[in-house]
Each structure stands twice: as C-alpha cells, then as structure tokens.
Amino acid sequence: MRLVIVVVGSPPNFLVVHFLRVLLILKLLFVFAPLLKPMSWGLISMFLLI
C-alpha cells in the first residue's frame, strides 16, 4: 500500500497543471467550435502546436 500511495501521491506539479490546461482548452473548444465552425480546425491546430 505504501508504494501505491507514493506513486499516486507524487505526480510532478507541471504534469497536473498541463493536464488541467488541456481540459480547459478542450472545454473552450467544445463551447466555441459550434460558434466558429470555419475556424474550429484552425483553433484546434493552433492549440495542439502550443
């Protein structure tokens, strides 16, 4: 159990921040893509490049 707790409880902070940032970007894309259908693919490619 101690090994499991150590593995689960010690992810690097930047990975958590990156994961939350990706979730936020996906949420924004799902909100704005229907409004900007011609630009949605450009926005997705821009966010993937960043």
C-alpha atoms as a PDB file:
ATOM      1  CA  MET A   1       0.000   0.000   0.000  1.00  0.00           C
ATOM      2  CA  ARG A   2       2.829   2.377   0.773  1.00  0.00           C
ATOM      3  CA  LEU A   3       4.225   2.059  -2.755  1.00  0.00           C
ATOM      4  CA  VAL A   4       0.811   2.725  -4.289  1.00  0.00           C
ATOM      5  CA  ILE A   5       0.332   5.825  -2.149  1.00  0.00           C
ATOM      6  CA  VAL A   6       3.787   7.110  -3.088  1.00  0.00           C
ATOM      7  CA  VAL A   7       3.202   6.549  -6.814  1.00  0.00           C
ATOM      8  CA  VAL A   8      -0.272   8.098  -6.799  1.00  0.00           C
ATOM      9  CA  GLY A   9       0.555  10.914  -4.392  1.00  0.00           C
ATOM     10  CA  SER A  10       3.716  12.226  -6.053  1.00  0.00           C
ATOM     11  CA  PRO A  11       2.980  13.299  -9.622  1.00  0.00           C
ATOM     12  CA  PRO A  12       5.078  16.246 -10.786  1.00  0.00           C
ATOM     13  CA  ASN A  13       3.167  19.501 -10.446  1.00  0.00           C
ATOM     14  CA  PHE A  14       3.764  20.520 -14.060  1.00  0.00           C
ATOM     15  CA  LEU A  15       2.010  17.371 -15.281  1.00  0.00           C
ATOM     16  CA  VAL A  16      -1.063  18.222 -13.213  1.00  0.00           C
ATOM     17  CA  VAL A  17      -1.034  21.813 -14.465  1.00  0.00           C
ATOM     18  CA  HIS A  18      -0.627  20.641 -18.074  1.00  0.00           C
ATOM     19  CA  PHE A  19      -3.493  18.152 -17.694  1.00  0.00           C
ATOM     20  CA  LEU A  20      -5.798  20.840 -16.272  1.00  0.00           C
ATOM     21  CA  ARG A  21      -4.752  23.220 -19.065  1.00  0.00           C
ATOM     22  CA  VAL A  22      -5.607  20.605 -21.697  1.00  0.00           C
ATOM     23  CA  LEU A  23      -9.002  20.019 -20.088  1.00  0.00           C
ATOM     24  CA  LEU A  24      -9.683  23.763 -20.079  1.00  0.00           C
ATOM     25  CA  ILE A  25      -8.657  24.100 -23.738  1.00  0.00           C
ATOM     26  CA  LEU A  26     -10.892  21.185 -24.745  1.00  0.00           C
ATOM     27  CA  LYS A  27     -13.790  22.714 -22.806  1.00  0.00           C
ATOM     28  CA  LEU A  28     -13.305  26.059 -24.534  1.00  0.00           C
ATOM     29  CA  LEU A  29     -13.081  24.353 -27.925  1.00  0.00           C
ATOM     30  CA  PHE A  30     -16.329  22.475 -27.320  1.00  0.00           C
ATOM     31  CA  VAL A  31     -18.008  25.749 -26.296  1.00  0.00           C
ATOM     32  CA  PHE A  32     -16.722  27.897 -29.173  1.00  0.00           C
ATOM     33  CA  ALA A  33     -16.428  25.373 -32.024  1.00  0.00           C
ATOM     34  CA  PRO A  34     -20.169  25.470 -32.888  1.00  0.00           C
ATOM     35  CA  LEU A  35     -19.979  29.273 -32.991  1.00  0.00           C
ATOM     36  CA  LEU A  36     -16.868  29.339 -35.186  1.00  0.00           C
ATOM     37  CA  LYS A  37     -17.214  26.294 -37.399  1.00  0.00           C
ATOM     38  CA  PRO A  38     -14.978  27.583 -40.218  1.00  0.00           C
ATOM     39  CA  MET A  39     -12.249  28.478 -37.710  1.00  0.00           C
ATOM     40  CA  SER A  40     -12.592  25.482 -35.401  1.00  0.00           C
ATOM     41  CA  TRP A  41      -9.979  23.346 -37.181  1.00  0.00           C
ATOM     42  CA  GLY A  42      -7.547  26.271 -37.194  1.00  0.00           C
ATOM     43  CA  LEU A  43      -8.089  26.808 -33.473  1.00  0.00           C
ATOM     44  CA  ILE A  44      -7.573  23.107 -32.738  1.00  0.00           C
ATOM     45  CA  SER A  45      -4.335  23.022 -34.742  1.00  0.00           C
ATOM     46  CA  MET A  46      -3.124  26.209 -33.013  1.00  0.00           C
ATOM     47  CA  PHE A  47      -3.767  24.773 -29.540  1.00  0.00           C
ATOM     48  CA  LEU A  48      -2.099  21.490 -30.487  1.00  0.00           C
ATOM     49  CA  LEU A  49       1.015  23.361 -31.638  1.00  0.00           C
ATOM     50  CA  ILE A  50       1.272  25.401 -28.418  1.00  0.00           C
END
